[in-house]
């Protein structure tokens, strides 16, 4: 499928962020498999998934709604990363890169929301 989302820089960067989160989660404690790791992955996947679903919708209003959901998932992801750091989980090697990628995705998301009106 060659959906409209695949042309969006936001979707591409959100996919990169998602892949980075999967790499980061490999360094978390095994006993967090069903806790923090699961939450991080779910929030990360939600961002490009909601961008894709919104891009396939018929109206700008629907698209914006899915972008707002993606924004919520980004905030959740930011909170989970900060908590992981504060709990001294082994994410320090990826932390700066992850925060920079998260900020880039957030900026692209906000720009797209502004452009849709």
PDB file of N, CA and C in Angstrom:
ATOM      1  N   UNK A   1       0.847  -1.187   0.000  1.00  0.00           N
ATOM      2  CA  UNK A   1       0.000   0.000   0.000  1.00  0.00           C
ATOM      3  C   UNK A   1       0.888   1.244   0.000  1.00  0.00           C
ATOM      4  N   UNK A   2       0.521   2.175  -0.823  1.00  0.00           N
ATOM      5  CA  UNK A   2       1.275   3.422  -0.897  1.00  0.00           C
ATOM      6  C   UNK A   2       0.374   4.567  -0.432  1.00  0.00           C
ATOM      7  N   UNK A   3       0.057   4.557   0.869  1.00  0.00           N
ATOM      8  CA  UNK A   3      -0.866   5.536   1.433  1.00  0.00           C
ATOM      9  C   UNK A   3      -0.290   6.937   1.490  1.00  0.00           C
ATOM     10  N   UNK A   4      -1.175   7.914   1.720  1.00  0.00           N
ATOM     11  CA  UNK A   4      -0.750   9.320   1.762  1.00  0.00           C
ATOM     12  C   UNK A   4       0.221   9.629   2.903  1.00  0.00           C
ATOM     13  N   UNK A   5       0.181   8.842   3.950  1.00  0.00           N
ATOM     14  CA  UNK A   5       1.054   9.067   5.100  1.00  0.00           C
ATOM     15  C   UNK A   5       2.530   8.900   4.750  1.00  0.00           C
ATOM     16  N   UNK A   6       2.820   8.050   3.773  1.00  0.00           N
ATOM     17  CA  UNK A   6       4.214   7.754   3.433  1.00  0.00           C
ATOM     18  C   UNK A   6       4.932   8.930   2.792  1.00  0.00           C
ATOM     19  N   UNK A   7       4.185   9.926   2.378  1.00  0.00           N
ATOM     20  CA  UNK A   7       4.797  11.145   1.825  1.00  0.00           C
ATOM     21  C   UNK A   7       5.077  12.194   2.898  1.00  0.00           C
ATOM     22  N   UNK A   8       4.570  11.967   4.096  1.00  0.00           N
ATOM     23  CA  UNK A   8       4.716  12.950   5.175  1.00  0.00           C
ATOM     24  C   UNK A   8       6.044  12.786   5.908  1.00  0.00           C
ATOM     25  N   UNK A   9       6.790  13.871   5.994  1.00  0.00           N
ATOM     26  CA  UNK A   9       8.048  13.865   6.754  1.00  0.00           C
ATOM     27  C   UNK A   9       7.781  13.504   8.217  1.00  0.00           C
ATOM     28  N   UNK A  10       6.659  13.962   8.740  1.00  0.00           N
ATOM     29  CA  UNK A  10       6.272  13.643  10.115  1.00  0.00           C
ATOM     30  C   UNK A  10       6.194  12.135  10.314  1.00  0.00           C
ATOM     31  N   UNK A  11       5.532  11.435   9.419  1.00  0.00           N
ATOM     32  CA  UNK A  11       5.388   9.992   9.549  1.00  0.00           C
ATOM     33  C   UNK A  11       6.755   9.307   9.494  1.00  0.00           C
ATOM     34  N   UNK A  12       7.611   9.748   8.567  1.00  0.00           N
ATOM     35  CA  UNK A  12       8.939   9.148   8.427  1.00  0.00           C
ATOM     36  C   UNK A  12       9.757   9.325   9.703  1.00  0.00           C
ATOM     37  N   UNK A  13       9.738  10.526  10.256  1.00  0.00           N
ATOM     38  CA  UNK A  13      10.492  10.789  11.493  1.00  0.00           C
ATOM     39  C   UNK A  13       9.880  10.062  12.685  1.00  0.00           C
ATOM     40  N   UNK A  14       8.559   9.943  12.710  1.00  0.00           N
ATOM     41  CA  UNK A  14       7.903   9.198  13.794  1.00  0.00           C
ATOM     42  C   UNK A  14       8.279   7.720  13.719  1.00  0.00           C
ATOM     43  N   UNK A  15       8.424   7.199  12.514  1.00  0.00           N
ATOM     44  CA  UNK A  15       8.869   5.807  12.350  1.00  0.00           C
ATOM     45  C   UNK A  15      10.303   5.644  12.865  1.00  0.00           C
ATOM     46  N   UNK A  16      11.161   6.618  12.577  1.00  0.00           N
ATOM     47  CA  UNK A  16      12.537   6.571  13.082  1.00  0.00           C
ATOM     48  C   UNK A  16      12.566   6.634  14.606  1.00  0.00           C
ATOM     49  N   UNK A  17      11.733   7.480  15.183  1.00  0.00           N
ATOM     50  CA  UNK A  17      11.634   7.566  16.642  1.00  0.00           C
ATOM     51  C   UNK A  17      11.184   6.222  17.212  1.00  0.00           C
ATOM     52  N   UNK A  18      10.221   5.617  16.587  1.00  0.00           N
ATOM     53  CA  UNK A  18       9.700   4.324  17.042  1.00  0.00           C
ATOM     54  C   UNK A  18      10.807   3.264  17.036  1.00  0.00           C
ATOM     55  N   UNK A  19      11.577   3.210  15.966  1.00  0.00           N
ATOM     56  CA  UNK A  19      12.679   2.239  15.890  1.00  0.00           C
ATOM     57  C   UNK A  19      13.722   2.506  16.975  1.00  0.00           C
ATOM     58  N   UNK A  20      13.978   3.773  17.241  1.00  0.00           N
ATOM     59  CA  UNK A  20      14.925   4.136  18.296  1.00  0.00           C
ATOM     60  C   UNK A  20      14.411   3.681  19.663  1.00  0.00           C
ATOM     61  N   UNK A  21      13.128   3.862  19.909  1.00  0.00           N
ATOM     62  CA  UNK A  21      12.538   3.438  21.186  1.00  0.00           C
ATOM     63  C   UNK A  21      12.652   1.920  21.347  1.00  0.00           C
ATOM     64  N   UNK A  22      12.489   1.180  20.278  1.00  0.00           N
ATOM     65  CA  UNK A  22      12.648  -0.272  20.355  1.00  0.00           C
ATOM     66  C   UNK A  22      14.092  -0.631  20.729  1.00  0.00           C
ATOM     67  N   UNK A  23      15.069   0.113  20.197  1.00  0.00           N
ATOM     68  CA  UNK A  23      16.472  -0.137  20.577  1.00  0.00           C
ATOM     69  C   UNK A  23      16.717   0.235  22.040  1.00  0.00           C
ATOM     70  N   UNK A  24      16.158   1.361  22.457  1.00  0.00           N
ATOM     71  CA  UNK A  24      16.312   1.809  23.846  1.00  0.00           C
ATOM     72  C   UNK A  24      15.722   0.772  24.797  1.00  0.00           C
ATOM     73  N   UNK A  25      14.578   0.247  24.449  1.00  0.00           N
ATOM     74  CA  UNK A  25      13.882  -0.677  25.363  1.00  0.00           C
ATOM     75  C   UNK A  25      14.650  -1.971  25.586  1.00  0.00           C
ATOM     76  N   UNK A  26      15.538  -2.314  24.664  1.00  0.00           N
ATOM     77  CA  UNK A  26      16.346  -3.525  24.852  1.00  0.00           C
ATOM     78  C   UNK A  26      17.286  -3.404  26.050  1.00  0.00           C
ATOM     79  N   UNK A  27      17.619  -2.180  26.440  1.00  0.00           N
ATOM     80  CA  UNK A  27      18.514  -1.965  27.569  1.00  0.00           C
ATOM     81  C   UNK A  27      17.808  -1.869  28.910  1.00  0.00           C
ATOM     82  N   UNK A  28      16.494  -1.961  28.901  1.00  0.00           N
ATOM     83  CA  UNK A  28      15.752  -1.868  30.158  1.00  0.00           C
ATOM     84  C   UNK A  28      15.728  -3.217  30.863  1.00  0.00           C
ATOM     85  N   UNK A  29      15.532  -3.202  32.177  1.00  0.00           N
ATOM     86  CA  UNK A  29      15.526  -4.450  32.943  1.00  0.00           C
ATOM     87  C   UNK A  29      14.458  -5.426  32.456  1.00  0.00           C
ATOM     88  N   UNK A  30      14.800  -6.687  32.442  1.00  0.00           N
ATOM     89  CA  UNK A  30      13.887  -7.742  31.987  1.00  0.00           C
ATOM     90  C   UNK A  30      12.573  -7.740  32.770  1.00  0.00           C
ATOM     91  N   UNK A  31      12.640  -7.392  34.058  1.00  0.00           N
ATOM     92  CA  UNK A  31      11.416  -7.408  34.850  1.00  0.00           C
ATOM     93  C   UNK A  31      10.465  -6.258  34.489  1.00  0.00           C
ATOM     94  N   UNK A  32      10.885  -5.370  33.581  1.00  0.00           N
ATOM     95  CA  UNK A  32      10.023  -4.296  33.091  1.00  0.00           C
ATOM     96  C   UNK A  32       9.355  -4.654  31.765  1.00  0.00           C
ATOM     97  N   UNK A  33       9.495  -5.915  31.357  1.00  0.00           N
ATOM     98  CA  UNK A  33       8.958  -6.355  30.066  1.00  0.00           C
ATOM     99  C   UNK A  33       7.473  -6.031  29.912  1.00  0.00           C
ATOM    100  N   UNK A  34       6.695  -6.245  30.963  1.00  0.00           N
ATOM    101  CA  UNK A  34       5.261  -6.012  30.884  1.00  0.00           C
ATOM    102  C   UNK A  34       4.865  -4.679  31.506  1.00  0.00           C
ATOM    103  N   UNK A  35       5.829  -3.888  31.908  1.00  0.00           N
ATOM    104  CA  UNK A  35       5.572  -2.571  32.474  1.00  0.00           C
ATOM    105  C   UNK A  35       6.094  -1.482  31.564  1.00  0.00           C
ATOM    106  N   UNK A  36       7.233  -0.952  31.926  1.00  0.00           N
ATOM    107  CA  UNK A  36       7.800   0.187  31.217  1.00  0.00           C
ATOM    108  C   UNK A  36       8.088  -0.115  29.747  1.00  0.00           C
ATOM    109  N   UNK A  37       8.646  -1.264  29.454  1.00  0.00           N
ATOM    110  CA  UNK A  37       8.991  -1.612  28.068  1.00  0.00           C
ATOM    111  C   UNK A  37       7.727  -1.639  27.204  1.00  0.00           C
ATOM    112  N   UNK A  38       6.711  -2.274  27.702  1.00  0.00           N
ATOM    113  CA  UNK A  38       5.450  -2.366  26.970  1.00  0.00           C
ATOM    114  C   UNK A  38       4.840  -0.986  26.741  1.00  0.00           C
ATOM    115  N   UNK A  39       4.858  -0.154  27.772  1.00  0.00           N
ATOM    116  CA  UNK A  39       4.295   1.195  27.659  1.00  0.00           C
ATOM    117  C   UNK A  39       5.081   2.049  26.668  1.00  0.00           C
ATOM    118  N   UNK A  40       6.411   1.982  26.737  1.00  0.00           N
ATOM    119  CA  UNK A  40       7.247   2.739  25.802  1.00  0.00           C
ATOM    120  C   UNK A  40       6.947   2.346  24.357  1.00  0.00           C
ATOM    121  N   UNK A  41       6.906   1.058  24.102  1.00  0.00           N
ATOM    122  CA  UNK A  41       6.656   0.586  22.738  1.00  0.00           C
ATOM    123  C   UNK A  41       5.269   0.987  22.255  1.00  0.00           C
ATOM    124  N   UNK A  42       4.289   0.830  23.119  1.00  0.00           N
ATOM    125  CA  UNK A  42       2.916   1.186  22.739  1.00  0.00           C
ATOM    126  C   UNK A  42       2.794   2.664  22.395  1.00  0.00           C
ATOM    127  N   UNK A  43       3.380   3.524  23.231  1.00  0.00           N
ATOM    128  CA  UNK A  43       3.319   4.966  22.981  1.00  0.00           C
ATOM    129  C   UNK A  43       4.067   5.323  21.700  1.00  0.00           C
ATOM    130  N   UNK A  44       5.222   4.694  21.492  1.00  0.00           N
ATOM    131  CA  UNK A  44       6.026   4.989  20.304  1.00  0.00           C
ATOM    132  C   UNK A  44       5.297   4.573  19.029  1.00  0.00           C
ATOM    133  N   UNK A  45       4.697   3.403  19.022  1.00  0.00           N
ATOM    134  CA  UNK A  45       3.981   2.909  17.846  1.00  0.00           C
ATOM    135  C   UNK A  45       2.745   3.763  17.562  1.00  0.00           C
ATOM    136  N   UNK A  46       2.146   4.268  18.602  1.00  0.00           N
ATOM    137  CA  UNK A  46       0.934   5.078  18.465  1.00  0.00           C
ATOM    138  C   UNK A  46       1.164   6.334  17.627  1.00  0.00           C
ATOM    139  N   UNK A  47       2.354   6.904  17.689  1.00  0.00           N
ATOM    140  CA  UNK A  47       2.600   8.164  16.984  1.00  0.00           C
ATOM    141  C   UNK A  47       2.497   7.985  15.467  1.00  0.00           C
ATOM    142  N   UNK A  48       3.335   7.161  14.831  1.00  0.00           N
ATOM    143  CA  UNK A  48       3.197   7.034  13.373  1.00  0.00           C
ATOM    144  C   UNK A  48       1.879   6.366  12.962  1.00  0.00           C
ATOM    145  N   UNK A  49       1.347   5.494  13.817  1.00  0.00           N
ATOM    146  CA  UNK A  49       0.081   4.830  13.484  1.00  0.00           C
ATOM    147  C   UNK A  49      -1.062   5.839  13.404  1.00  0.00           C
ATOM    148  N   UNK A  50      -1.107   6.774  14.335  1.00  0.00           N
ATOM    149  CA  UNK A  50      -2.167   7.782  14.308  1.00  0.00           C
ATOM    150  C   UNK A  50      -1.972   8.791  13.189  1.00  0.00           C
ATOM    151  N   UNK A  51      -0.726   9.120  12.873  1.00  0.00           N
ATOM    152  CA  UNK A  51      -0.457   9.997  11.729  1.00  0.00           C
ATOM    153  C   UNK A  51      -0.962   9.318  10.454  1.00  0.00           C
ATOM    154  N   UNK A  52      -0.658   8.043  10.309  1.00  0.00           N
ATOM    155  CA  UNK A  52      -1.087   7.293   9.119  1.00  0.00           C
ATOM    156  C   UNK A  52      -2.609   7.211   9.034  1.00  0.00           C
ATOM    157  N   UNK A  53      -3.231   6.875  10.146  1.00  0.00           N
ATOM    158  CA  UNK A  53      -4.686   6.757  10.118  1.00  0.00           C
ATOM    159  C   UNK A  53      -5.343   8.101   9.823  1.00  0.00           C
ATOM    160  N   UNK A  54      -4.825   9.149  10.420  1.00  0.00           N
ATOM    161  CA  UNK A  54      -5.382  10.480  10.165  1.00  0.00           C
ATOM    162  C   UNK A  54      -5.216  10.919   8.723  1.00  0.00           C
ATOM    163  N   UNK A  55      -4.060  10.630   8.141  1.00  0.00           N
ATOM    164  CA  UNK A  55      -3.798  11.019   6.751  1.00  0.00           C
ATOM    165  C   UNK A  55      -4.753  10.317   5.788  1.00  0.00           C
ATOM    166  N   UNK A  56      -5.261   9.166   6.174  1.00  0.00           N
ATOM    167  CA  UNK A  56      -6.165   8.412   5.313  1.00  0.00           C
ATOM    168  C   UNK A  56      -7.623   8.847   5.475  1.00  0.00           C
ATOM    169  N   UNK A  57      -7.897   9.708   6.428  1.00  0.00           N
ATOM    170  CA  UNK A  57      -9.277  10.151   6.663  1.00  0.00           C
ATOM    171  C   UNK A  57      -9.727  11.151   5.601  1.00  0.00           C
ATOM    172  N   UNK A  58     -11.022  11.378   5.551  1.00  0.00           N
ATOM    173  CA  UNK A  58     -11.615  12.196   4.488  1.00  0.00           C
ATOM    174  C   UNK A  58     -11.590  13.696   4.749  1.00  0.00           C
ATOM    175  N   UNK A  59     -11.573  14.095   6.030  1.00  0.00           N
ATOM    176  CA  UNK A  59     -11.660  15.526   6.323  1.00  0.00           C
ATOM    177  C   UNK A  59     -10.463  16.003   7.139  1.00  0.00           C
ATOM    178  N   UNK A  60     -10.215  17.306   7.053  1.00  0.00           N
ATOM    179  CA  UNK A  60      -9.144  17.913   7.847  1.00  0.00           C
ATOM    180  C   UNK A  60      -9.432  17.757   9.338  1.00  0.00           C
ATOM    181  N   UNK A  61     -10.705  17.868   9.694  1.00  0.00           N
ATOM    182  CA  UNK A  61     -11.089  17.742  11.102  1.00  0.00           C
ATOM    183  C   UNK A  61     -10.705  16.367  11.649  1.00  0.00           C
ATOM    184  N   UNK A  62     -10.989  15.326  10.874  1.00  0.00           N
ATOM    185  CA  UNK A  62     -10.623  13.971  11.294  1.00  0.00           C
ATOM    186  C   UNK A  62      -9.104  13.824  11.373  1.00  0.00           C
ATOM    187  N   UNK A  63      -8.400  14.342  10.387  1.00  0.00           N
ATOM    188  CA  UNK A  63      -6.943  14.276  10.365  1.00  0.00           C
ATOM    189  C   UNK A  63      -6.368  14.940  11.613  1.00  0.00           C
ATOM    190  N   UNK A  64      -6.867  16.138  11.918  1.00  0.00           N
ATOM    191  CA  UNK A  64      -6.385  16.861  13.102  1.00  0.00           C
ATOM    192  C   UNK A  64      -6.618  16.057  14.378  1.00  0.00           C
ATOM    193  N   UNK A  65      -7.767  15.403  14.483  1.00  0.00           N
ATOM    194  CA  UNK A  65      -8.065  14.619  15.680  1.00  0.00           C
ATOM    195  C   UNK A  65      -7.015  13.526  15.891  1.00  0.00           C
ATOM    196  N   UNK A  66      -6.622  12.849  14.819  1.00  0.00           N
ATOM    197  CA  UNK A  66      -5.612  11.810  14.944  1.00  0.00           C
ATOM    198  C   UNK A  66      -4.231  12.405  15.236  1.00  0.00           C
ATOM    199  N   UNK A  67      -3.975  13.592  14.727  1.00  0.00           N
ATOM    200  CA  UNK A  67      -2.708  14.259  15.045  1.00  0.00           C
ATOM    201  C   UNK A  67      -2.666  14.660  16.522  1.00  0.00           C
ATOM    202  N   UNK A  68      -3.808  15.059  17.066  1.00  0.00           N
ATOM    203  CA  UNK A  68      -3.857  15.376  18.500  1.00  0.00           C
ATOM    204  C   UNK A  68      -3.608  14.121  19.345  1.00  0.00           C
ATOM    205  N   UNK A  69      -4.109  12.991  18.892  1.00  0.00           N
ATOM    206  CA  UNK A  69      -3.855  11.733  19.599  1.00  0.00           C
ATOM    207  C   UNK A  69      -2.365  11.405  19.531  1.00  0.00           C
ATOM    208  N   UNK A  70      -1.755  11.606  18.359  1.00  0.00           N
ATOM    209  CA  UNK A  70      -0.314  11.386  18.209  1.00  0.00           C
ATOM    210  C   UNK A  70       0.464  12.299  19.151  1.00  0.00           C
ATOM    211  N   UNK A  71       0.014  13.541  19.292  1.00  0.00           N
ATOM    212  CA  UNK A  71       0.676  14.477  20.209  1.00  0.00           C
ATOM    213  C   UNK A  71       0.588  13.985  21.647  1.00  0.00           C
ATOM    214  N   UNK A  72      -0.542  13.434  22.023  1.00  0.00           N
ATOM    215  CA  UNK A  72      -0.697  12.866  23.360  1.00  0.00           C
ATOM    216  C   UNK A  72       0.258  11.705  23.581  1.00  0.00           C
ATOM    217  N   UNK A  73       0.413  10.883  22.575  1.00  0.00           N
ATOM    218  CA  UNK A  73       1.346   9.753  22.673  1.00  0.00           C
ATOM    219  C   UNK A  73       2.785  10.235  22.789  1.00  0.00           C
ATOM    220  N   UNK A  74       3.117  11.317  22.110  1.00  0.00           N
ATOM    221  CA  UNK A  74       4.462  11.895  22.247  1.00  0.00           C
ATOM    222  C   UNK A  74       4.706  12.371  23.671  1.00  0.00           C
ATOM    223  N   UNK A  75       3.705  12.999  24.263  1.00  0.00           N
ATOM    224  CA  UNK A  75       3.834  13.459  25.651  1.00  0.00           C
ATOM    225  C   UNK A  75       3.987  12.279  26.604  1.00  0.00           C
ATOM    226  N   UNK A  76       3.233  11.230  26.343  1.00  0.00           N
ATOM    227  CA  UNK A  76       3.359  10.013  27.154  1.00  0.00           C
ATOM    228  C   UNK A  76       4.770   9.439  27.021  1.00  0.00           C
ATOM    229  N   UNK A  77       5.265   9.394  25.808  1.00  0.00           N
ATOM    230  CA  UNK A  77       6.597   8.872  25.545  1.00  0.00           C
ATOM    231  C   UNK A  77       7.655   9.707  26.267  1.00  0.00           C
ATOM    232  N   UNK A  78       7.521  11.016  26.218  1.00  0.00           N
ATOM    233  CA  UNK A  78       8.447  11.911  26.907  1.00  0.00           C
ATOM    234  C   UNK A  78       8.453  11.631  28.409  1.00  0.00           C
ATOM    235  N   UNK A  79       7.279  11.439  28.977  1.00  0.00           N
ATOM    236  CA  UNK A  79       7.152  11.157  30.411  1.00  0.00           C
ATOM    237  C   UNK A  79       7.791   9.811  30.766  1.00  0.00           C
ATOM    238  N   UNK A  80       7.539   8.805  29.947  1.00  0.00           N
ATOM    239  CA  UNK A  80       8.107   7.483  30.208  1.00  0.00           C
ATOM    240  C   UNK A  80       9.628   7.487  30.108  1.00  0.00           C
ATOM    241  N   UNK A  81      10.165   8.220  29.149  1.00  0.00           N
ATOM    242  CA  UNK A  81      11.624   8.320  29.022  1.00  0.00           C
ATOM    243  C   UNK A  81      12.236   9.028  30.227  1.00  0.00           C
ATOM    244  N   UNK A  82      11.594  10.085  30.662  1.00  0.00           N
ATOM    245  CA  UNK A  82      12.092  10.820  31.826  1.00  0.00           C
ATOM    246  C   UNK A  82      12.033   9.949  33.069  1.00  0.00           C
ATOM    247  N   UNK A  83      10.946   9.217  33.230  1.00  0.00           N
ATOM    248  CA  UNK A  83      10.822   8.314  34.374  1.00  0.00           C
ATOM    249  C   UNK A  83      11.877   7.214  34.320  1.00  0.00           C
ATOM    250  N   UNK A  84      12.113   6.666  33.144  1.00  0.00           N
ATOM    251  CA  UNK A  84      13.148   5.635  32.989  1.00  0.00           C
ATOM    252  C   UNK A  84      14.507   6.171  33.411  1.00  0.00           C
ATOM    253  N   UNK A  85      14.765   7.395  33.034  1.00  0.00           N
ATOM    254  CA  UNK A  85      16.042   8.028  33.403  1.00  0.00           C
ATOM    255  C   UNK A  85      16.118   8.237  34.917  1.00  0.00           C
ATOM    256  N   UNK A  86      15.043   8.738  35.503  1.00  0.00           N
ATOM    257  CA  UNK A  86      15.029   8.991  36.945  1.00  0.00           C
ATOM    258  C   UNK A  86      15.118   7.701  37.757  1.00  0.00           C
ATOM    259  N   UNK A  87      14.655   6.600  37.175  1.00  0.00           N
ATOM    260  CA  UNK A  87      14.759   5.303  37.849  1.00  0.00           C
ATOM    261  C   UNK A  87      16.112   4.634  37.598  1.00  0.00           C
ATOM    262  N   UNK A  88      16.990   5.360  36.924  1.00  0.00           N
ATOM    263  CA  UNK A  88      18.339   4.880  36.609  1.00  0.00           C
ATOM    264  C   UNK A  88      18.351   3.637  35.735  1.00  0.00           C
ATOM    265  N   UNK A  89      17.362   3.534  34.849  1.00  0.00           N
ATOM    266  CA  UNK A  89      17.400   2.465  33.862  1.00  0.00           C
ATOM    267  C   UNK A  89      18.490   2.804  32.852  1.00  0.00           C
ATOM    268  N   UNK A  90      19.013   1.828  32.194  1.00  0.00           N
ATOM    269  CA  UNK A  90      20.140   1.998  31.278  1.00  0.00           C
ATOM    270  C   UNK A  90      19.719   2.603  29.938  1.00  0.00           C
ATOM    271  N   UNK A  91      19.325   3.877  29.968  1.00  0.00           N
ATOM    272  CA  UNK A  91      18.954   4.530  28.715  1.00  0.00           C
ATOM    273  C   UNK A  91      19.870   5.708  28.395  1.00  0.00           C
ATOM    274  N   UNK A  92      20.812   5.980  29.263  1.00  0.00           N
ATOM    275  CA  UNK A  92      21.651   7.167  29.133  1.00  0.00           C
ATOM    276  C   UNK A  92      22.356   7.256  27.779  1.00  0.00           C
ATOM    277  N   UNK A  93      22.786   6.122  27.236  1.00  0.00           N
ATOM    278  CA  UNK A  93      23.470   6.137  25.941  1.00  0.00           C
ATOM    279  C   UNK A  93      22.583   6.649  24.819  1.00  0.00           C
ATOM    280  N   UNK A  94      21.284   6.465  24.949  1.00  0.00           N
ATOM    281  CA  UNK A  94      20.332   6.865  23.916  1.00  0.00           C
ATOM    282  C   UNK A  94      19.543   8.112  24.282  1.00  0.00           C
ATOM    283  N   UNK A  95      19.670   8.567  25.516  1.00  0.00           N
ATOM    284  CA  UNK A  95      18.754   9.596  26.016  1.00  0.00           C
ATOM    285  C   UNK A  95      18.777  10.861  25.161  1.00  0.00           C
ATOM    286  N   UNK A  96      19.947  11.426  24.908  1.00  0.00           N
ATOM    287  CA  UNK A  96      20.022  12.683  24.164  1.00  0.00           C
ATOM    288  C   UNK A  96      19.479  12.523  22.750  1.00  0.00           C
ATOM    289  N   UNK A  97      19.873  11.444  22.090  1.00  0.00           N
ATOM    290  CA  UNK A  97      19.383  11.186  20.729  1.00  0.00           C
ATOM    291  C   UNK A  97      17.866  11.034  20.716  1.00  0.00           C
ATOM    292  N   UNK A  98      17.345  10.356  21.719  1.00  0.00           N
ATOM    293  CA  UNK A  98      15.911  10.124  21.799  1.00  0.00           C
ATOM    294  C   UNK A  98      15.152  11.426  22.030  1.00  0.00           C
ATOM    295  N   UNK A  99      15.650  12.252  22.930  1.00  0.00           N
ATOM    296  CA  UNK A  99      15.003  13.532  23.202  1.00  0.00           C
ATOM    297  C   UNK A  99      15.046  14.431  21.963  1.00  0.00           C
ATOM    298  N   UNK A 100      16.167  14.455  21.269  1.00  0.00           N
ATOM    299  CA  UNK A 100      16.271  15.258  20.048  1.00  0.00           C
ATOM    300  C   UNK A 100      15.283  14.776  18.990  1.00  0.00           C
ATOM    301  N   UNK A 101      15.172  13.474  18.828  1.00  0.00           N
ATOM    302  CA  UNK A 101      14.236  12.909  17.847  1.00  0.00           C
ATOM    303  C   UNK A 101      12.797  13.209  18.261  1.00  0.00           C
ATOM    304  N   UNK A 102      12.507  13.079  19.546  1.00  0.00           N
ATOM    305  CA  UNK A 102      11.172  13.376  20.046  1.00  0.00           C
ATOM    306  C   UNK A 102      10.824  14.838  19.787  1.00  0.00           C
ATOM    307  N   UNK A 103      11.767  15.749  20.032  1.00  0.00           N
ATOM    308  CA  UNK A 103      11.532  17.173  19.791  1.00  0.00           C
ATOM    309  C   UNK A 103      11.318  17.460  18.306  1.00  0.00           C
ATOM    310  N   UNK A 104      12.064  16.778  17.452  1.00  0.00           N
ATOM    311  CA  UNK A 104      11.899  16.965  16.008  1.00  0.00           C
ATOM    312  C   UNK A 104      10.512  16.517  15.563  1.00  0.00           C
ATOM    313  N   UNK A 105      10.084  15.352  16.034  1.00  0.00           N
ATOM    314  CA  UNK A 105       8.756  14.852  15.682  1.00  0.00           C
ATOM    315  C   UNK A 105       7.691  15.816  16.198  1.00  0.00           C
ATOM    316  N   UNK A 106       7.859  16.311  17.394  1.00  0.00           N
ATOM    317  CA  UNK A 106       6.904  17.255  17.971  1.00  0.00           C
ATOM    318  C   UNK A 106       6.824  18.535  17.137  1.00  0.00           C
ATOM    319  N   UNK A 107       7.957  19.050  16.698  1.00  0.00           N
ATOM    320  CA  UNK A 107       7.976  20.261  15.876  1.00  0.00           C
ATOM    321  C   UNK A 107       7.274  20.018  14.534  1.00  0.00           C
ATOM    322  N   UNK A 108       7.541  18.871  13.916  1.00  0.00           N
ATOM    323  CA  UNK A 108       6.887  18.538  12.646  1.00  0.00           C
ATOM    324  C   UNK A 108       5.381  18.390  12.842  1.00  0.00           C
ATOM    325  N   UNK A 109       5.006  17.777  13.934  1.00  0.00           N
ATOM    326  CA  UNK A 109       3.581  17.586  14.248  1.00  0.00           C
ATOM    327  C   UNK A 109       2.888  18.929  14.433  1.00  0.00           C
ATOM    328  N   UNK A 110       3.510  19.805  15.211  1.00  0.00           N
ATOM    329  CA  UNK A 110       2.920  21.131  15.436  1.00  0.00           C
ATOM    330  C   UNK A 110       2.835  21.922  14.137  1.00  0.00           C
ATOM    331  N   UNK A 111       3.866  21.811  13.292  1.00  0.00           N
ATOM    332  CA  UNK A 111       3.842  22.496  12.006  1.00  0.00           C
ATOM    333  C   UNK A 111       2.725  21.987  11.109  1.00  0.00           C
ATOM    334  N   UNK A 112       2.522  20.690  11.089  1.00  0.00           N
ATOM    335  CA  UNK A 112       1.450  20.131  10.271  1.00  0.00           C
ATOM    336  C   UNK A 112       0.081  20.561  10.797  1.00  0.00           C
ATOM    337  N   UNK A 113      -0.061  20.550  12.110  1.00  0.00           N
ATOM    338  CA  UNK A 113      -1.341  21.006  12.691  1.00  0.00           C
ATOM    339  C   UNK A 113      -1.624  22.459  12.305  1.00  0.00           C
ATOM    340  N   UNK A 114      -0.617  23.308  12.340  1.00  0.00           N
ATOM    341  CA  UNK A 114      -0.805  24.711  11.958  1.00  0.00           C
ATOM    342  C   UNK A 114      -1.166  24.831  10.487  1.00  0.00           C
ATOM    343  N   UNK A 115      -0.511  24.031   9.646  1.00  0.00           N
ATOM    344  CA  UNK A 115      -0.757  24.140   8.210  1.00  0.00           C
ATOM    345  C   UNK A 115      -2.154  23.654   7.808  1.00  0.00           C
ATOM    346  N   UNK A 116      -2.710  22.733   8.579  1.00  0.00           N
ATOM    347  CA  UNK A 116      -4.053  22.251   8.260  1.00  0.00           C
ATOM    348  C   UNK A 116      -5.112  23.233   8.723  1.00  0.00           C
ATOM    349  N   UNK A 117      -4.760  24.019   9.731  1.00  0.00           N
ATOM    350  CA  UNK A 117      -5.681  25.049  10.208  1.00  0.00           C
ATOM    351  C   UNK A 117      -6.604  24.641  11.271  1.00  0.00           C
TER     352      UNK A 117
END
